Structure formats: structure tokens, C-alpha cells
């Protein structure tokens, strides 16, 4: 299924299909979904970063952030990068927050604010805002959320962006 260490399109299509069917697995059948992902991961080379990433996603999506955290870390340590690497950082930060480690989530996502822009920018800000809120830093979190929301508004974009900045100014 994998040629020269690269994942082929068939494998990617089957992973996509598995995730498209995720809602077909009620909570009591979550283990079946994870087994489906595990079967796909078994086709990968042992050192592939995709394996632990997909498994982390499956654990996380079925309500087990504690099981997901070490798998996200492993995927990143194996060199998961690009779009999936950024997703792994967002999802790891969320799982860290869910397991009482919000400060580590903030440290992981803060550099992502300066990363090259992509469609995950707002997800970075939303997850970072949740981590900040968990640490009692609600004004910073709200500022991030308003800043992310402002460009999507049909009106009041400038005002909302200004309000977002003002939340971080002392005494405002």
C-alpha cells in the first residue's frame, strides 16, 4: 500500500472515507472506529509520522484526549510537518488543555501565530484562546477570537479589529 515510504492516493482516500463515516459510530462503537484507523495505520511503515497522528485523531475524536497526547507528540517527533503538522499542534494543544496542561498548549500554539498563513489560522487562534481562558487570561483569548472573527464580518471589521487590540492595552 505504501510505495517507497510515501503514502499512496488509495490509502489517503480510505483514510478520508473512514473519517467521513465517523458519525456512523455512536459512542458505544467508538472502539470500532479506532480499530478501523488502526487497520489503516498498520499498512504504513513503522516510522511513519502519519500512523500516530491518525491514531491520535481517532482517540481525541472519541473523547480520549489523554490517549491522544502522547500520539500527537510522537507524530511531531517523527517529523510530521506541513498542513498535518499544524493540525497536530492545534489538536495537541486542545488535548493538553483538556488534560489540565493549558500552559503547554499556549507555548505550543503561540509560535503558530507567526507561521505562514493558511486556512488553519483561525483554528490556531480559537484553540489558543481556549488555552488562555483556561489559564484565566480571558481578555487575551477574547482578543484573539475577535481578531480572527473581524475579517469574516460583512460590516464592522475595522471596529472589531480595533476592539480586539484594545483588549490587550492596559487600563482599557
C-alpha atoms as a PDB file:
ATOM      1  CA  UNK A   1       0.000   0.000   0.000  1.00  0.00           C
ATOM      2  CA  UNK A   2       2.909   2.347   0.595  1.00  0.00           C
ATOM      3  CA  UNK A   3       5.476   2.821  -2.103  1.00  0.00           C
ATOM      4  CA  UNK A   4       8.953   3.971  -1.144  1.00  0.00           C
ATOM      5  CA  UNK A   5       7.776   5.274   2.204  1.00  0.00           C
ATOM      6  CA  UNK A   6       5.234   7.580   0.593  1.00  0.00           C
ATOM      7  CA  UNK A   7       1.562   7.083   1.208  1.00  0.00           C
ATOM      8  CA  UNK A   8      -0.334   6.465  -1.978  1.00  0.00           C
ATOM      9  CA  UNK A   9      -3.586   8.082  -3.024  1.00  0.00           C
ATOM     10  CA  UNK A  10      -5.586   4.920  -2.334  1.00  0.00           C
ATOM     11  CA  UNK A  11      -4.527   4.946   1.299  1.00  0.00           C
ATOM     12  CA  UNK A  12      -5.354   8.651   1.616  1.00  0.00           C
ATOM     13  CA  UNK A  13      -8.774   8.035   0.047  1.00  0.00           C
ATOM     14  CA  UNK A  14      -9.505   5.237   2.513  1.00  0.00           C
ATOM     15  CA  UNK A  15      -8.483   7.402   5.478  1.00  0.00           C
ATOM     16  CA  UNK A  16     -10.715  10.179   4.157  1.00  0.00           C
ATOM     17  CA  UNK A  17     -13.579   7.688   3.792  1.00  0.00           C
ATOM     18  CA  UNK A  18     -13.065   6.430   7.339  1.00  0.00           C
ATOM     19  CA  UNK A  19     -13.293   9.963   8.713  1.00  0.00           C
ATOM     20  CA  UNK A  20     -16.315  10.721   6.521  1.00  0.00           C
ATOM     21  CA  UNK A  21     -18.056   7.785   8.218  1.00  0.00           C
ATOM     22  CA  UNK A  22     -17.065   8.870  11.729  1.00  0.00           C
ATOM     23  CA  UNK A  23     -20.598   9.949  12.649  1.00  0.00           C
ATOM     24  CA  UNK A  24     -21.796   6.419  11.872  1.00  0.00           C
ATOM     25  CA  UNK A  25     -20.055   5.261  15.054  1.00  0.00           C
ATOM     26  CA  UNK A  26     -22.017   6.127  18.192  1.00  0.00           C
ATOM     27  CA  UNK A  27     -20.081   6.398  21.443  1.00  0.00           C
ATOM     28  CA  UNK A  28     -20.603   2.735  22.314  1.00  0.00           C
ATOM     29  CA  UNK A  29     -18.953   1.773  18.998  1.00  0.00           C
ATOM     30  CA  UNK A  30     -16.048   4.233  19.193  1.00  0.00           C
ATOM     31  CA  UNK A  31     -13.660   1.301  19.615  1.00  0.00           C
ATOM     32  CA  UNK A  32     -14.731   0.057  16.161  1.00  0.00           C
ATOM     33  CA  UNK A  33     -13.811   3.381  14.604  1.00  0.00           C
ATOM     34  CA  UNK A  34     -10.414   3.354  16.307  1.00  0.00           C
ATOM     35  CA  UNK A  35      -9.888  -0.225  15.071  1.00  0.00           C
ATOM     36  CA  UNK A  36     -10.644   0.935  11.523  1.00  0.00           C
ATOM     37  CA  UNK A  37      -7.998   3.639  11.832  1.00  0.00           C
ATOM     38  CA  UNK A  38      -5.554   1.171  13.428  1.00  0.00           C
ATOM     39  CA  UNK A  39      -6.007  -1.169  10.448  1.00  0.00           C
ATOM     40  CA  UNK A  40      -5.112   1.633   8.049  1.00  0.00           C
ATOM     41  CA  UNK A  41      -2.137   2.647  10.195  1.00  0.00           C
ATOM     42  CA  UNK A  42      -0.885  -0.951  10.130  1.00  0.00           C
ATOM     43  CA  UNK A  43      -0.273  -0.519   6.395  1.00  0.00           C
ATOM     44  CA  UNK A  44       2.223   2.289   6.977  1.00  0.00           C
ATOM     45  CA  UNK A  45       5.962   1.940   7.511  1.00  0.00           C
ATOM     46  CA  UNK A  46       6.770   1.619  11.221  1.00  0.00           C
ATOM     47  CA  UNK A  47       8.463   5.025  11.368  1.00  0.00           C
ATOM     48  CA  UNK A  48       5.735   6.968   9.551  1.00  0.00           C
ATOM     49  CA  UNK A  49       4.516  10.058  11.407  1.00  0.00           C
ATOM     50  CA  UNK A  50       1.077   9.567   9.844  1.00  0.00           C
ATOM     51  CA  UNK A  51       0.360   6.498  11.976  1.00  0.00           C
ATOM     52  CA  UNK A  52       0.477   8.114  15.398  1.00  0.00           C
ATOM     53  CA  UNK A  53      -1.192  11.235  14.000  1.00  0.00           C
ATOM     54  CA  UNK A  54      -4.231   9.339  12.684  1.00  0.00           C
ATOM     55  CA  UNK A  55      -4.418   7.289  15.881  1.00  0.00           C
ATOM     56  CA  UNK A  56      -4.218  10.443  17.995  1.00  0.00           C
ATOM     57  CA  UNK A  57      -7.035  11.972  15.977  1.00  0.00           C
ATOM     58  CA  UNK A  58      -9.145   8.847  16.498  1.00  0.00           C
ATOM     59  CA  UNK A  59      -8.564   8.784  20.256  1.00  0.00           C
ATOM     60  CA  UNK A  60      -9.161  12.524  20.502  1.00  0.00           C
ATOM     61  CA  UNK A  61     -12.339  12.436  18.433  1.00  0.00           C
ATOM     62  CA  UNK A  62     -13.747   9.652  20.573  1.00  0.00           C
ATOM     63  CA  UNK A  63     -13.252  11.603  23.793  1.00  0.00           C
ATOM     64  CA  UNK A  64      -9.857  10.384  24.998  1.00  0.00           C
ATOM     65  CA  UNK A  65      -7.528  13.383  24.978  1.00  0.00           C
ATOM     66  CA  UNK A  66      -5.284  11.612  27.484  1.00  0.00           C
ATOM     67  CA  UNK A  67      -4.600   8.816  24.981  1.00  0.00           C
ATOM     68  CA  UNK A  68      -4.156  11.286  22.126  1.00  0.00           C
ATOM     69  CA  UNK A  69      -1.462  13.481  23.715  1.00  0.00           C
ATOM     70  CA  UNK A  70       1.453  11.007  23.518  1.00  0.00           C
ATOM     71  CA  UNK A  71       0.487  10.022  19.978  1.00  0.00           C
ATOM     72  CA  UNK A  72       0.428  13.639  18.747  1.00  0.00           C
ATOM     73  CA  UNK A  73       3.830  14.141  20.375  1.00  0.00           C
ATOM     74  CA  UNK A  74       5.160  11.029  18.679  1.00  0.00           C
ATOM     75  CA  UNK A  75       3.863  12.132  15.272  1.00  0.00           C
ATOM     76  CA  UNK A  76       5.550  15.531  15.645  1.00  0.00           C
ATOM     77  CA  UNK A  77       8.762  13.932  16.930  1.00  0.00           C
ATOM     78  CA  UNK A  78       8.802  11.697  13.837  1.00  0.00           C
ATOM     79  CA  UNK A  79       8.730  14.785  11.653  1.00  0.00           C
ATOM     80  CA  UNK A  80       5.074  15.382  10.863  1.00  0.00           C
ATOM     81  CA  UNK A  81       5.070  18.775   9.212  1.00  0.00           C
ATOM     82  CA  UNK A  82       3.177  20.922   6.771  1.00  0.00           C
ATOM     83  CA  UNK A  83      -0.596  21.032   6.979  1.00  0.00           C
ATOM     84  CA  UNK A  84      -0.908  17.861   9.072  1.00  0.00           C
ATOM     85  CA  UNK A  85       1.872  19.052  11.357  1.00  0.00           C
ATOM     86  CA  UNK A  86      -0.015  22.263  12.009  1.00  0.00           C
ATOM     87  CA  UNK A  87      -3.213  20.302  12.610  1.00  0.00           C
ATOM     88  CA  UNK A  88      -1.314  18.097  15.068  1.00  0.00           C
ATOM     89  CA  UNK A  89      -0.136  21.156  17.002  1.00  0.00           C
ATOM     90  CA  UNK A  90      -3.655  22.596  17.183  1.00  0.00           C
ATOM     91  CA  UNK A  91      -5.152  19.290  18.252  1.00  0.00           C
ATOM     92  CA  UNK A  92      -2.337  18.569  20.720  1.00  0.00           C
ATOM     93  CA  UNK A  93      -2.833  21.983  22.318  1.00  0.00           C
ATOM     94  CA  UNK A  94      -6.547  21.289  22.640  1.00  0.00           C
ATOM     95  CA  UNK A  95      -5.883  17.893  24.201  1.00  0.00           C
ATOM     96  CA  UNK A  96      -3.328  19.405  26.556  1.00  0.00           C
ATOM     97  CA  UNK A  97      -5.932  21.928  27.681  1.00  0.00           C
ATOM     98  CA  UNK A  98      -8.443  19.124  28.187  1.00  0.00           C
ATOM     99  CA  UNK A  99      -5.948  17.294  30.391  1.00  0.00           C
ATOM    100  CA  UNK A 100      -5.102  20.315  32.552  1.00  0.00           C
ATOM    101  CA  UNK A 101      -1.951  21.363  30.702  1.00  0.00           C
ATOM    102  CA  UNK A 102      -3.169  24.586  29.104  1.00  0.00           C
ATOM    103  CA  UNK A 103       0.140  26.388  29.655  1.00  0.00           C
ATOM    104  CA  UNK A 104       1.895  23.849  27.450  1.00  0.00           C
ATOM    105  CA  UNK A 105      -0.836  24.391  24.846  1.00  0.00           C
ATOM    106  CA  UNK A 106      -0.153  28.131  24.894  1.00  0.00           C
ATOM    107  CA  UNK A 107       3.586  27.511  24.424  1.00  0.00           C
ATOM    108  CA  UNK A 108       2.886  25.167  21.521  1.00  0.00           C
ATOM    109  CA  UNK A 109       0.475  27.467  19.671  1.00  0.00           C
ATOM    110  CA  UNK A 110       1.934  30.923  20.283  1.00  0.00           C
ATOM    111  CA  UNK A 111       4.645  30.453  17.612  1.00  0.00           C
ATOM    112  CA  UNK A 112       1.917  29.382  15.175  1.00  0.00           C
ATOM    113  CA  UNK A 113       0.590  32.958  15.221  1.00  0.00           C
ATOM    114  CA  UNK A 114       3.677  33.912  13.205  1.00  0.00           C
ATOM    115  CA  UNK A 115       3.665  30.838  10.936  1.00  0.00           C
ATOM    116  CA  UNK A 116       2.873  31.212   7.245  1.00  0.00           C
ATOM    117  CA  UNK A 117      -0.828  31.898   6.880  1.00  0.00           C
ATOM    118  CA  UNK A 118      -3.221  29.142   5.814  1.00  0.00           C
ATOM    119  CA  UNK A 119      -6.803  28.046   6.357  1.00  0.00           C
ATOM    120  CA  UNK A 120      -5.911  26.868   9.882  1.00  0.00           C
ATOM    121  CA  UNK A 121      -5.095  30.379  11.180  1.00  0.00           C
ATOM    122  CA  UNK A 122      -8.491  30.848  12.816  1.00  0.00           C
ATOM    123  CA  UNK A 123      -8.342  27.368  14.383  1.00  0.00           C
ATOM    124  CA  UNK A 124      -4.957  28.270  15.892  1.00  0.00           C
ATOM    125  CA  UNK A 125      -6.431  31.428  17.382  1.00  0.00           C
ATOM    126  CA  UNK A 126      -9.585  29.701  18.645  1.00  0.00           C
ATOM    127  CA  UNK A 127      -7.662  26.905  20.350  1.00  0.00           C
ATOM    128  CA  UNK A 128      -5.100  29.315  21.754  1.00  0.00           C
ATOM    129  CA  UNK A 129      -7.964  31.448  23.089  1.00  0.00           C
ATOM    130  CA  UNK A 130      -9.393  28.415  24.898  1.00  0.00           C
ATOM    131  CA  UNK A 131      -5.990  27.625  26.407  1.00  0.00           C
ATOM    132  CA  UNK A 132      -5.608  31.230  27.550  1.00  0.00           C
ATOM    133  CA  UNK A 133      -9.082  31.204  29.056  1.00  0.00           C
ATOM    134  CA  UNK A 134      -8.269  28.030  30.967  1.00  0.00           C
ATOM    135  CA  UNK A 135      -5.377  29.960  32.484  1.00  0.00           C
ATOM    136  CA  UNK A 136      -7.585  32.897  33.477  1.00  0.00           C
ATOM    137  CA  UNK A 137      -6.295  35.050  30.620  1.00  0.00           C
ATOM    138  CA  UNK A 138      -9.733  35.710  29.147  1.00  0.00           C
ATOM    139  CA  UNK A 139      -9.007  39.176  27.732  1.00  0.00           C
ATOM    140  CA  UNK A 140      -6.124  37.814  25.661  1.00  0.00           C
ATOM    141  CA  UNK A 141      -8.287  34.948  24.466  1.00  0.00           C
ATOM    142  CA  UNK A 142     -11.179  37.231  23.560  1.00  0.00           C
ATOM    143  CA  UNK A 143      -8.792  39.497  21.693  1.00  0.00           C
ATOM    144  CA  UNK A 144      -7.617  36.548  19.583  1.00  0.00           C
ATOM    145  CA  UNK A 145     -11.164  35.432  18.843  1.00  0.00           C
ATOM    146  CA  UNK A 146     -12.350  38.927  17.875  1.00  0.00           C
ATOM    147  CA  UNK A 147      -9.267  39.406  15.728  1.00  0.00           C
ATOM    148  CA  UNK A 148      -9.967  36.127  13.940  1.00  0.00           C
ATOM    149  CA  UNK A 149     -13.656  36.916  13.517  1.00  0.00           C
ATOM    150  CA  UNK A 150     -13.288  40.501  12.271  1.00  0.00           C
ATOM    151  CA  UNK A 151     -12.225  39.710   8.678  1.00  0.00           C
ATOM    152  CA  UNK A 152     -15.260  37.444   8.225  1.00  0.00           C
ATOM    153  CA  UNK A 153     -17.839  40.066   9.196  1.00  0.00           C
ATOM    154  CA  UNK A 154     -19.797  41.796   6.431  1.00  0.00           C
ATOM    155  CA  UNK A 155     -19.509  45.080   8.355  1.00  0.00           C
ATOM    156  CA  UNK A 156     -17.686  46.435  11.433  1.00  0.00           C
ATOM    157  CA  UNK A 157     -14.417  44.746  10.501  1.00  0.00           C
ATOM    158  CA  UNK A 158     -12.280  47.731  11.438  1.00  0.00           C
ATOM    159  CA  UNK A 159     -14.164  48.348  14.691  1.00  0.00           C
ATOM    160  CA  UNK A 160     -13.892  44.724  15.816  1.00  0.00           C
ATOM    161  CA  UNK A 161     -10.186  44.600  14.946  1.00  0.00           C
ATOM    162  CA  UNK A 162      -9.680  47.789  16.991  1.00  0.00           C
ATOM    163  CA  UNK A 163     -11.665  46.361  19.914  1.00  0.00           C
ATOM    164  CA  UNK A 164      -9.540  43.225  19.748  1.00  0.00           C
ATOM    165  CA  UNK A 165      -6.336  45.278  20.032  1.00  0.00           C
ATOM    166  CA  UNK A 166      -7.807  47.457  22.796  1.00  0.00           C
ATOM    167  CA  UNK A 167      -8.470  44.407  24.971  1.00  0.00           C
ATOM    168  CA  UNK A 168      -4.710  43.979  25.308  1.00  0.00           C
ATOM    169  CA  UNK A 169      -3.981  47.596  26.188  1.00  0.00           C
ATOM    170  CA  UNK A 170      -3.515  48.262  29.909  1.00  0.00           C
ATOM    171  CA  UNK A 171      -6.359  50.161  31.545  1.00  0.00           C
ATOM    172  CA  UNK A 172      -8.823  49.731  28.678  1.00  0.00           C
END
